[in-house]
Amino acid sequence: MICRSVVLVAATLCGLLLAGDAAAHTRSISHSSWRPDETGARVKLRIPRLELTRIGLDAPPQDRELSALAGRYLADRLVLRSGQLDCQRVGAIEPRRADEGWAAFAWRYECPAGRPSAIETAILLAVAPSHVHFARLSLPDGKVTERVLTEASPLWELPSAPQAGARQPASDGAGSSIANYVVLGIGHILTGWDHLAFVLALMILAGTLGEMARVVTGFTIAHSLTLALAVLGLVHPQAVVVEAVIGFSVALVAAENAWTLGGRGRAIPLAAVVGLGACAVLALSGVGRVPAATLIGLAVFSGCHFGLLARSPRPVRIRGVLAFAFGLVHGFGFAGVLAEMELPTARLAPALFGFNVGVELGQLAIVSVAWPLLRLLERPAGGRWHRRVVDLGSAAACGIGIFWFVTRTFGAG
């Protein structure tokens, strides 16, 4: 028993240590807005300051020298073309006012060969191959279109300008296809470590296919609902609160695994409620970025959840409800990528559909691999290896979840 406790504590600590890398850059993104004309284009680029730490160029706005280096790095890797020729950057790269945690720059391109015809990006691809760049184009006729640019598809052939009296071809002005958004959704879930950790922690104790189906179905319905609400602009949650609660969801489910296997004692529920209560007290004192009401709500939820589980003969059977509850929060996390794109109304439905399909396909791919492996481990040595995997995996996930929750609650903005 002592050896097993030591191993579990060690696994939890490993989760805490490894979480730094896992949480440092979960979504690598940047944005550009373009206004082309007959001789060139004006562009404004936005990027999270956290992304600039990948290349050592994150700097406060007052550090003009480092800010200028960041602007040149970005401008050199965002290319505008006219035919076979690269357009030339003219004038200064101007720092612009941006939301907290973001950096913004603007500059102009001149195209000697005439009207611009293509945009190509290499921003951060050398250090973050999964980086996604959202390019938004405002056409002279007032239409707006967009494109998702990635390492696999870094080039956008721009729609041609309509001639006077001519009808625009149906294909011109089209943004990214549904297939592009499916790929984006798959990539988002496969690199969203917090979402993956939550799903794996939920399924690790599921003993039957029915239990697994309830978990996946509950999570899918919930996150699809809030993803739609957020992207359509009907709900506007605070991003910092959403990210903190996602971290908490991972820690709670992993702790529940340990509680279920460890005899359903009072220590884990008490630690969860007391820890959240302490965080709420700090929040009331002005410490942290998550409101005290949210932390008190999580404490009450945790107490009630463990109380309900204690009266259930088989706690894992009601995990579909927990998956649904936290799936609502994870949906807001998924929505961040699409919401940042500020898509035109006509583009929202296909983008939302494709992205959601991609998330589901990525999620099912993970489950289809992990589920059979877990079932295979139940056979040899009377399931001893399965128990070890569940113990160590839950402990590590709990450590990672605690790290995400604490750093997102009390970390710098």
Protein backbone atom coordinates (compact mmCIF):
# COMPACT_ATOMS: atom_id res chain seq x y z
CA MET A 1 0.00 0.00 0.00
CA ILE A 2 2.83 2.40 0.87
CA CYS A 3 4.62 1.63 -2.42
CA ARG A 4 1.42 2.18 -4.38
CA SER A 5 0.84 5.54 -2.69
CA VAL A 6 4.40 6.61 -3.45
CA VAL A 7 3.98 5.68 -7.12
CA LEU A 8 0.72 7.61 -7.36
CA VAL A 9 2.23 10.70 -5.75
CA ALA A 10 5.20 10.44 -8.12
CA ALA A 11 2.87 10.17 -11.13
CA THR A 12 0.94 13.23 -9.97
CA LEU A 13 4.18 15.22 -9.59
CA CYS A 14 5.29 14.10 -13.06
CA GLY A 15 2.00 15.38 -14.41
CA LEU A 16 2.62 18.73 -12.75
CA LEU A 17 6.12 18.95 -14.20
CA LEU A 18 5.12 17.88 -17.71
CA ALA A 19 2.14 20.20 -17.77
CA GLY A 20 4.34 23.22 -18.33
CA ASP A 21 5.16 22.18 -21.88
CA ALA A 22 1.68 20.84 -22.54
CA ALA A 23 0.05 24.10 -21.45
CA ALA A 24 2.57 26.54 -22.82
CA HIS A 25 1.28 26.62 -26.41
CA THR A 26 -1.96 24.69 -26.86
CA ARG A 27 -3.29 26.71 -29.79
CA SER A 28 -0.82 28.36 -32.13
CA ILE A 29 -2.68 31.00 -34.14
CA SER A 30 -2.28 34.36 -35.86
CA HIS A 31 -4.58 36.61 -37.90
CA SER A 32 -4.23 39.03 -40.78
CA SER A 33 -6.73 41.46 -42.32
CA TRP A 34 -6.09 42.60 -45.89
CA ARG A 35 -7.42 45.53 -47.96
CA PRO A 36 -6.18 45.15 -51.54
CA ASP A 37 -6.30 47.84 -54.22
CA GLU A 38 -5.06 48.20 -57.78
CA THR A 39 -1.39 48.61 -56.82
CA GLY A 40 -0.97 46.67 -53.61
CA ALA A 41 -2.58 46.05 -50.23
CA ARG A 42 -2.67 47.21 -46.65
CA VAL A 43 -2.41 44.48 -44.00
CA LYS A 44 -2.87 44.35 -40.25
CA LEU A 45 -1.53 41.30 -38.39
CA ARG A 46 -2.45 40.18 -34.88
CA ILE A 47 -0.73 37.46 -32.87
CA PRO A 48 -0.85 36.36 -29.21
CA ARG A 49 2.23 37.56 -27.35
CA LEU A 50 2.60 34.04 -26.00
CA GLU A 51 3.32 32.88 -29.54
CA LEU A 52 6.23 35.29 -29.80
CA THR A 53 7.96 33.51 -26.91
CA ARG A 54 8.61 30.65 -29.34
CA ILE A 55 11.14 32.87 -31.10
CA GLY A 56 12.24 34.91 -28.08
CA LEU A 57 10.56 38.11 -29.30
CA ASP A 58 7.80 38.67 -26.76
CA ALA A 59 8.10 42.19 -25.43
CA PRO A 60 5.95 44.76 -23.62
CA PRO A 61 4.68 47.55 -25.91
CA GLN A 62 7.16 50.04 -24.44
CA ASP A 63 10.14 47.92 -25.58
CA ARG A 64 10.30 49.45 -29.05
CA GLU A 65 13.47 47.65 -30.16
CA LEU A 66 12.18 44.15 -29.45
CA SER A 67 8.74 45.08 -30.76
CA ALA A 68 10.34 46.23 -34.02
CA LEU A 69 12.23 42.93 -34.32
CA ALA A 70 8.97 41.01 -33.84
CA GLY A 71 7.27 43.12 -36.50
CA ARG A 72 10.06 42.50 -39.02
CA TYR A 73 10.06 38.77 -38.29
CA LEU A 74 6.33 38.55 -38.97
CA ALA A 75 6.35 40.80 -42.03
CA ASP A 76 9.20 38.83 -43.60
CA ARG A 77 7.11 35.65 -43.35
CA LEU A 78 3.83 36.98 -44.69
CA VAL A 79 4.27 37.30 -48.46
CA LEU A 80 2.00 39.05 -50.94
CA ARG A 81 2.41 38.17 -54.63
CA SER A 82 1.31 39.61 -57.94
CA GLY A 83 1.61 36.95 -60.60
CA GLN A 84 5.04 35.38 -60.23
CA LEU A 85 6.56 38.40 -58.45
CA ASP A 86 6.68 39.19 -54.73
CA CYS A 87 5.19 42.54 -53.77
CA GLN A 88 7.50 44.87 -51.87
CA ARG A 89 6.90 46.20 -48.38
CA VAL A 90 6.93 50.00 -48.32
CA GLY A 91 7.11 52.34 -45.38
CA ALA A 92 7.44 51.42 -41.73
CA ILE A 93 5.99 48.44 -39.87
CA GLU A 94 3.67 50.20 -37.45
CA PRO A 95 2.84 48.74 -34.01
CA ARG A 96 -0.89 48.99 -33.37
CA ARG A 97 -3.05 48.98 -30.28
CA ALA A 98 -4.19 45.45 -29.42
CA ASP A 99 -6.20 43.62 -26.80
CA GLU A 100 -4.39 42.47 -23.66
CA GLY A 101 -2.11 39.56 -24.42
CA TRP A 102 -1.91 40.36 -28.14
CA ALA A 103 0.54 42.19 -30.40
CA ALA A 104 -0.52 43.92 -33.62
CA PHE A 105 1.37 45.42 -36.56
CA ALA A 106 0.35 47.08 -39.83
CA TRP A 107 2.19 47.81 -43.07
CA ARG A 108 1.67 48.23 -46.81
CA TYR A 109 2.74 46.27 -49.88
CA GLU A 110 3.26 47.72 -53.35
CA CYS A 111 2.99 45.34 -56.31
CA PRO A 112 4.96 46.49 -59.40
CA ALA A 113 3.23 43.88 -61.59
CA GLY A 114 -0.26 45.13 -60.74
CA ARG A 115 -3.06 43.88 -58.54
CA PRO A 116 -2.10 41.30 -55.84
CA SER A 117 -3.01 37.71 -56.64
CA ALA A 118 -1.86 35.50 -53.74
CA ILE A 119 -0.95 35.45 -50.03
CA GLU A 120 1.50 32.97 -48.54
CA THR A 121 2.50 32.55 -44.90
CA ALA A 122 5.44 30.95 -43.15
CA ILE A 123 4.74 32.55 -39.77
CA LEU A 124 6.09 30.32 -36.96
CA LEU A 125 5.93 27.21 -39.15
CA ALA A 126 9.65 26.53 -38.53
CA VAL A 127 9.08 26.27 -34.76
CA ALA A 128 5.36 25.36 -34.66
CA PRO A 129 4.32 23.27 -37.68
CA SER A 130 0.75 23.12 -36.33
CA HIS A 131 0.44 26.92 -36.45
CA VAL A 132 -2.80 28.15 -38.05
CA HIS A 133 -3.02 31.54 -39.75
CA PHE A 134 -6.43 33.10 -40.43
CA ALA A 135 -6.35 35.52 -43.39
CA ARG A 136 -9.33 37.82 -43.91
CA LEU A 137 -9.79 39.75 -47.16
CA SER A 138 -12.00 42.83 -47.61
CA LEU A 139 -12.82 43.10 -51.32
CA PRO A 140 -13.38 46.46 -53.07
CA ASP A 141 -17.04 45.58 -53.68
CA GLY A 142 -17.60 45.32 -49.93
CA LYS A 143 -17.57 41.54 -49.65
CA VAL A 144 -15.45 39.81 -47.05
CA THR A 145 -13.89 36.38 -47.39
CA GLU A 146 -11.41 34.34 -45.38
CA ARG A 147 -9.01 31.44 -45.62
CA VAL A 148 -7.38 29.09 -43.11
CA LEU A 149 -3.66 28.79 -43.90
CA THR A 150 -1.56 25.95 -42.47
CA GLU A 151 1.75 24.24 -43.10
CA ALA A 152 -0.01 21.85 -45.51
CA SER A 153 -1.81 24.70 -47.30
CA PRO A 154 0.12 27.98 -46.79
CA LEU A 155 -0.89 29.67 -50.09
CA TRP A 156 -4.14 31.48 -50.88
CA GLU A 157 -4.88 32.38 -54.51
CA LEU A 158 -6.91 35.54 -54.09
CA PRO A 159 -10.27 36.02 -55.82
CA SER A 160 -10.05 38.30 -58.83
CA ALA A 161 -11.64 41.72 -58.74
CA PRO A 162 -14.98 41.97 -60.60
CA GLN A 163 -14.95 44.05 -63.75
CA ALA A 164 -17.48 46.80 -64.26
CA GLY A 165 -20.74 45.28 -65.49
CA ALA A 166 -19.38 41.73 -65.22
CA ARG A 167 -20.87 39.04 -63.06
CA GLN A 168 -18.54 37.59 -60.43
CA PRO A 169 -17.96 33.82 -60.91
CA ALA A 170 -19.54 31.74 -58.19
CA SER A 171 -16.17 30.42 -57.06
CA ASP A 172 -14.62 33.87 -56.63
CA GLY A 173 -14.68 35.21 -53.13
CA ALA A 174 -15.25 31.81 -51.61
CA GLY A 175 -13.50 31.27 -48.31
CA SER A 176 -12.21 28.03 -46.89
CA SER A 177 -14.29 24.99 -47.81
CA ILE A 178 -16.07 22.73 -45.35
CA ALA A 179 -13.25 20.25 -45.84
CA ASN A 180 -10.74 22.89 -44.70
CA TYR A 181 -12.70 23.37 -41.50
CA VAL A 182 -12.98 19.61 -40.97
CA VAL A 183 -9.18 19.41 -41.11
CA LEU A 184 -8.93 22.42 -38.78
CA GLY A 185 -11.27 20.73 -36.28
CA ILE A 186 -9.30 17.47 -36.37
CA GLY A 187 -6.04 19.34 -35.81
CA HIS A 188 -7.59 21.37 -33.00
CA ILE A 189 -8.72 18.36 -30.97
CA LEU A 190 -5.52 16.40 -31.62
CA THR A 191 -3.39 19.29 -30.32
CA GLY A 192 -5.82 20.37 -27.60
CA TRP A 193 -4.14 18.50 -24.76
CA ASP A 194 -6.62 19.65 -22.12
CA HIS A 195 -9.60 18.37 -24.14
CA LEU A 196 -7.86 15.06 -24.86
CA ALA A 197 -6.88 14.61 -21.22
CA PHE A 198 -10.50 15.16 -20.18
CA VAL A 199 -11.89 12.60 -22.64
CA LEU A 200 -9.25 10.00 -21.75
CA ALA A 201 -9.76 10.52 -18.01
CA LEU A 202 -13.50 10.04 -18.50
CA MET A 203 -13.20 6.83 -20.50
CA ILE A 204 -10.44 5.17 -18.51
CA LEU A 205 -12.88 3.59 -16.03
CA ALA A 206 -15.71 2.84 -18.45
CA GLY A 207 -16.24 -0.90 -18.18
CA THR A 208 -18.75 -1.46 -20.98
CA LEU A 209 -19.37 -0.14 -24.46
CA GLY A 210 -22.64 1.37 -23.23
CA GLU A 211 -20.83 3.40 -20.58
CA MET A 212 -18.32 4.57 -23.18
CA ALA A 213 -21.14 5.56 -25.53
CA ARG A 214 -22.84 7.62 -22.80
CA VAL A 215 -19.60 9.47 -22.09
CA VAL A 216 -18.89 10.28 -25.74
CA THR A 217 -22.52 11.18 -26.50
CA GLY A 218 -22.86 13.47 -23.49
CA PHE A 219 -19.63 15.28 -24.29
CA THR A 220 -20.47 15.61 -27.99
CA ILE A 221 -24.00 17.00 -27.51
CA ALA A 222 -22.83 19.51 -24.91
CA HIS A 223 -19.80 20.91 -26.66
CA SER A 224 -21.65 21.08 -29.99
CA LEU A 225 -24.33 23.21 -28.33
CA THR A 226 -22.02 25.75 -26.71
CA LEU A 227 -19.69 25.81 -29.71
CA ALA A 228 -22.63 26.97 -31.82
CA LEU A 229 -23.86 29.49 -29.24
CA ALA A 230 -20.42 31.06 -28.86
CA VAL A 231 -19.52 31.21 -32.57
CA LEU A 232 -22.92 32.70 -33.42
CA GLY A 233 -22.30 35.39 -30.82
CA LEU A 234 -25.28 34.47 -28.63
CA VAL A 235 -23.11 33.81 -25.56
CA HIS A 236 -19.90 35.62 -24.60
CA PRO A 237 -18.09 33.78 -21.79
CA GLN A 238 -14.83 35.04 -20.32
CA ALA A 239 -12.01 33.12 -21.98
CA VAL A 240 -9.87 33.00 -18.82
CA VAL A 241 -12.74 31.47 -16.82
CA VAL A 242 -13.43 28.90 -19.54
CA GLU A 243 -9.79 27.82 -19.70
CA ALA A 244 -9.51 27.57 -15.90
CA VAL A 245 -12.67 25.45 -15.63
CA ILE A 246 -11.42 23.17 -18.42
CA GLY A 247 -8.28 22.54 -16.36
CA PHE A 248 -10.43 21.91 -13.30
CA SER A 249 -12.58 19.41 -15.23
CA VAL A 250 -9.50 17.31 -16.00
CA ALA A 251 -8.36 17.36 -12.37
CA LEU A 252 -11.83 16.51 -11.00
CA VAL A 253 -12.44 13.53 -13.31
CA ALA A 254 -8.95 12.15 -12.64
CA ALA A 255 -9.45 12.60 -8.88
CA GLU A 256 -12.80 10.83 -9.16
CA ASN A 257 -11.02 7.88 -10.77
CA ALA A 258 -8.66 7.65 -7.80
CA TRP A 259 -11.57 8.07 -5.38
CA THR A 260 -13.57 5.27 -7.05
CA LEU A 261 -10.64 2.84 -7.01
CA GLY A 262 -9.46 3.84 -3.55
CA GLY A 263 -12.60 2.95 -1.62
CA ARG A 264 -14.59 6.21 -1.84
CA GLY A 265 -13.10 7.84 1.21
CA ARG A 266 -13.64 11.42 2.31
CA ALA A 267 -10.13 12.72 1.72
CA ILE A 268 -10.40 13.50 -2.00
CA PRO A 269 -13.84 15.22 -1.87
CA LEU A 270 -12.74 17.20 1.18
CA ALA A 271 -9.49 18.26 -0.49
CA ALA A 272 -11.38 19.42 -3.60
CA VAL A 273 -13.92 21.48 -1.66
CA VAL A 274 -11.38 22.99 0.74
CA GLY A 275 -8.92 23.76 -2.07
CA LEU A 276 -11.57 25.54 -4.12
CA GLY A 277 -12.76 27.38 -1.02
CA ALA A 278 -9.22 28.64 -0.42
CA CYS A 279 -9.03 29.81 -4.04
CA ALA A 280 -12.33 31.64 -3.57
CA VAL A 281 -10.97 33.42 -0.48
CA LEU A 282 -7.94 34.54 -2.50
CA ALA A 283 -10.24 35.75 -5.27
CA LEU A 284 -12.25 37.80 -2.74
CA SER A 285 -8.94 39.37 -1.71
CA GLY A 286 -8.29 40.42 -5.30
CA VAL A 287 -5.87 37.61 -6.18
CA GLY A 288 -6.28 35.76 -9.45
CA ARG A 289 -8.36 36.24 -12.58
CA VAL A 290 -11.33 33.94 -11.92
CA PRO A 291 -14.29 35.43 -9.98
CA ALA A 292 -14.91 34.15 -6.46
CA ALA A 293 -18.48 33.23 -7.43
CA THR A 294 -17.16 30.83 -10.06
CA LEU A 295 -14.80 29.17 -7.58
CA ILE A 296 -17.53 28.89 -4.94
CA GLY A 297 -19.80 27.36 -7.58
CA LEU A 298 -17.11 24.78 -8.46
CA ALA A 299 -16.71 23.94 -4.75
CA VAL A 300 -20.46 23.38 -4.34
CA PHE A 301 -20.57 21.37 -7.56
CA SER A 302 -17.68 19.17 -6.42
CA GLY A 303 -19.25 18.51 -3.02
CA CYS A 304 -22.62 17.64 -4.54
CA HIS A 305 -21.03 15.52 -7.25
CA PHE A 306 -19.05 13.36 -4.83
CA GLY A 307 -22.10 13.15 -2.55
CA LEU A 308 -24.18 11.81 -5.43
CA LEU A 309 -21.46 9.36 -6.42
CA ALA A 310 -21.19 8.07 -2.86
CA ARG A 311 -24.83 6.97 -3.02
CA SER A 312 -24.49 5.30 -6.41
CA PRO A 313 -23.62 1.57 -6.52
CA ARG A 314 -21.66 2.11 -9.75
CA PRO A 315 -20.48 5.74 -10.07
CA VAL A 316 -19.06 5.41 -13.59
CA ARG A 317 -22.55 4.76 -14.95
CA ILE A 318 -23.53 8.40 -14.41
CA ARG A 319 -20.43 9.78 -16.10
CA GLY A 320 -22.47 10.73 -19.15
CA VAL A 321 -24.02 13.48 -17.03
CA LEU A 322 -20.60 14.74 -15.93
CA ALA A 323 -19.37 14.59 -19.52
CA PHE A 324 -22.35 16.70 -20.58
CA ALA A 325 -21.85 19.25 -17.78
CA PHE A 326 -18.20 19.87 -18.52
CA GLY A 327 -18.73 19.40 -22.25
CA LEU A 328 -20.66 22.68 -22.17
CA VAL A 329 -17.50 24.41 -20.95
CA HIS A 330 -15.20 22.62 -23.39
CA GLY A 331 -17.47 23.79 -26.23
CA PHE A 332 -16.62 27.38 -25.36
CA GLY A 333 -12.96 26.40 -25.51
CA PHE A 334 -13.43 24.91 -28.98
CA ALA A 335 -15.24 28.07 -30.08
CA GLY A 336 -12.21 30.29 -29.51
CA VAL A 337 -10.62 29.38 -32.83
CA LEU A 338 -13.69 30.15 -34.96
CA ALA A 339 -14.79 33.17 -32.92
CA GLU A 340 -11.39 34.81 -33.42
CA MET A 341 -11.87 34.63 -37.20
CA GLU A 342 -14.89 36.99 -37.10
CA LEU A 343 -16.41 35.20 -40.08
CA PRO A 344 -19.10 36.82 -42.24
CA THR A 345 -22.60 35.62 -41.39
CA ALA A 346 -22.91 33.61 -44.59
CA ARG A 347 -19.74 31.68 -43.75
CA LEU A 348 -20.64 30.79 -40.17
CA ALA A 349 -22.84 27.76 -40.87
CA PRO A 350 -20.40 25.82 -43.10
CA ALA A 351 -17.45 26.75 -40.91
CA LEU A 352 -19.27 25.66 -37.75
CA PHE A 353 -20.46 22.42 -39.32
CA GLY A 354 -17.08 21.48 -40.75
CA PHE A 355 -15.15 22.37 -37.62
CA ASN A 356 -17.52 20.42 -35.39
CA VAL A 357 -17.32 17.37 -37.67
CA GLY A 358 -13.54 17.59 -37.52
CA VAL A 359 -13.55 17.74 -33.73
CA GLU A 360 -15.79 14.66 -33.59
CA LEU A 361 -13.65 12.72 -36.05
CA GLY A 362 -10.50 13.52 -34.10
CA GLN A 363 -12.16 12.58 -30.83
CA LEU A 364 -13.46 9.28 -32.22
CA ALA A 365 -10.01 8.49 -33.61
CA ILE A 366 -8.49 8.84 -30.13
CA VAL A 367 -11.26 6.78 -28.50
CA SER A 368 -11.05 4.04 -31.15
CA VAL A 369 -7.36 3.58 -30.37
CA ALA A 370 -7.41 3.98 -26.58
CA TRP A 371 -10.55 1.94 -25.86
CA PRO A 372 -9.35 -1.41 -27.33
CA LEU A 373 -5.96 -1.00 -25.64
CA LEU A 374 -7.60 -0.53 -22.25
CA ARG A 375 -9.78 -3.58 -22.79
CA LEU A 376 -6.76 -5.70 -23.77
CA LEU A 377 -5.03 -4.75 -20.52
CA GLU A 378 -7.91 -6.24 -18.51
CA ARG A 379 -7.05 -9.79 -19.60
CA PRO A 380 -3.45 -10.60 -18.57
CA ALA A 381 -2.54 -11.10 -14.89
CA GLY A 382 -6.13 -10.69 -13.75
CA GLY A 383 -6.29 -7.07 -14.93
CA ARG A 384 -3.30 -5.99 -12.84
CA TRP A 385 -1.79 -3.99 -15.73
CA HIS A 386 -5.11 -2.30 -16.39
CA ARG A 387 -5.29 -1.19 -12.76
CA ARG A 388 -1.77 0.20 -12.92
CA VAL A 389 -2.50 2.13 -16.10
CA VAL A 390 -5.68 3.57 -14.56
CA ASP A 391 -3.86 4.51 -11.34
CA LEU A 392 -0.85 6.11 -13.00
CA GLY A 393 -2.86 7.72 -15.80
CA SER A 394 -5.37 9.23 -13.38
CA ALA A 395 -2.64 10.53 -11.08
CA ALA A 396 -0.75 12.14 -13.96
CA ALA A 397 -3.95 13.65 -15.40
CA CYS A 398 -4.87 15.01 -11.97
CA GLY A 399 -1.47 16.68 -11.68
CA ILE A 400 -1.75 18.20 -15.15
CA GLY A 401 -5.32 19.37 -14.49
CA ILE A 402 -4.33 21.02 -11.21
CA PHE A 403 -1.45 22.77 -12.96
CA TRP A 404 -3.71 24.07 -15.72
CA PHE A 405 -6.33 25.22 -13.22
CA VAL A 406 -3.89 27.01 -10.92
CA THR A 407 -1.85 28.70 -13.66
CA ARG A 408 -4.94 29.79 -15.58
CA THR A 409 -6.59 31.06 -12.40
CA PHE A 410 -3.64 32.88 -10.89
CA GLY A 411 -1.20 33.27 -13.80
CA ALA A 412 -0.43 36.49 -15.60
CA GLY A 413 -2.83 37.60 -18.29
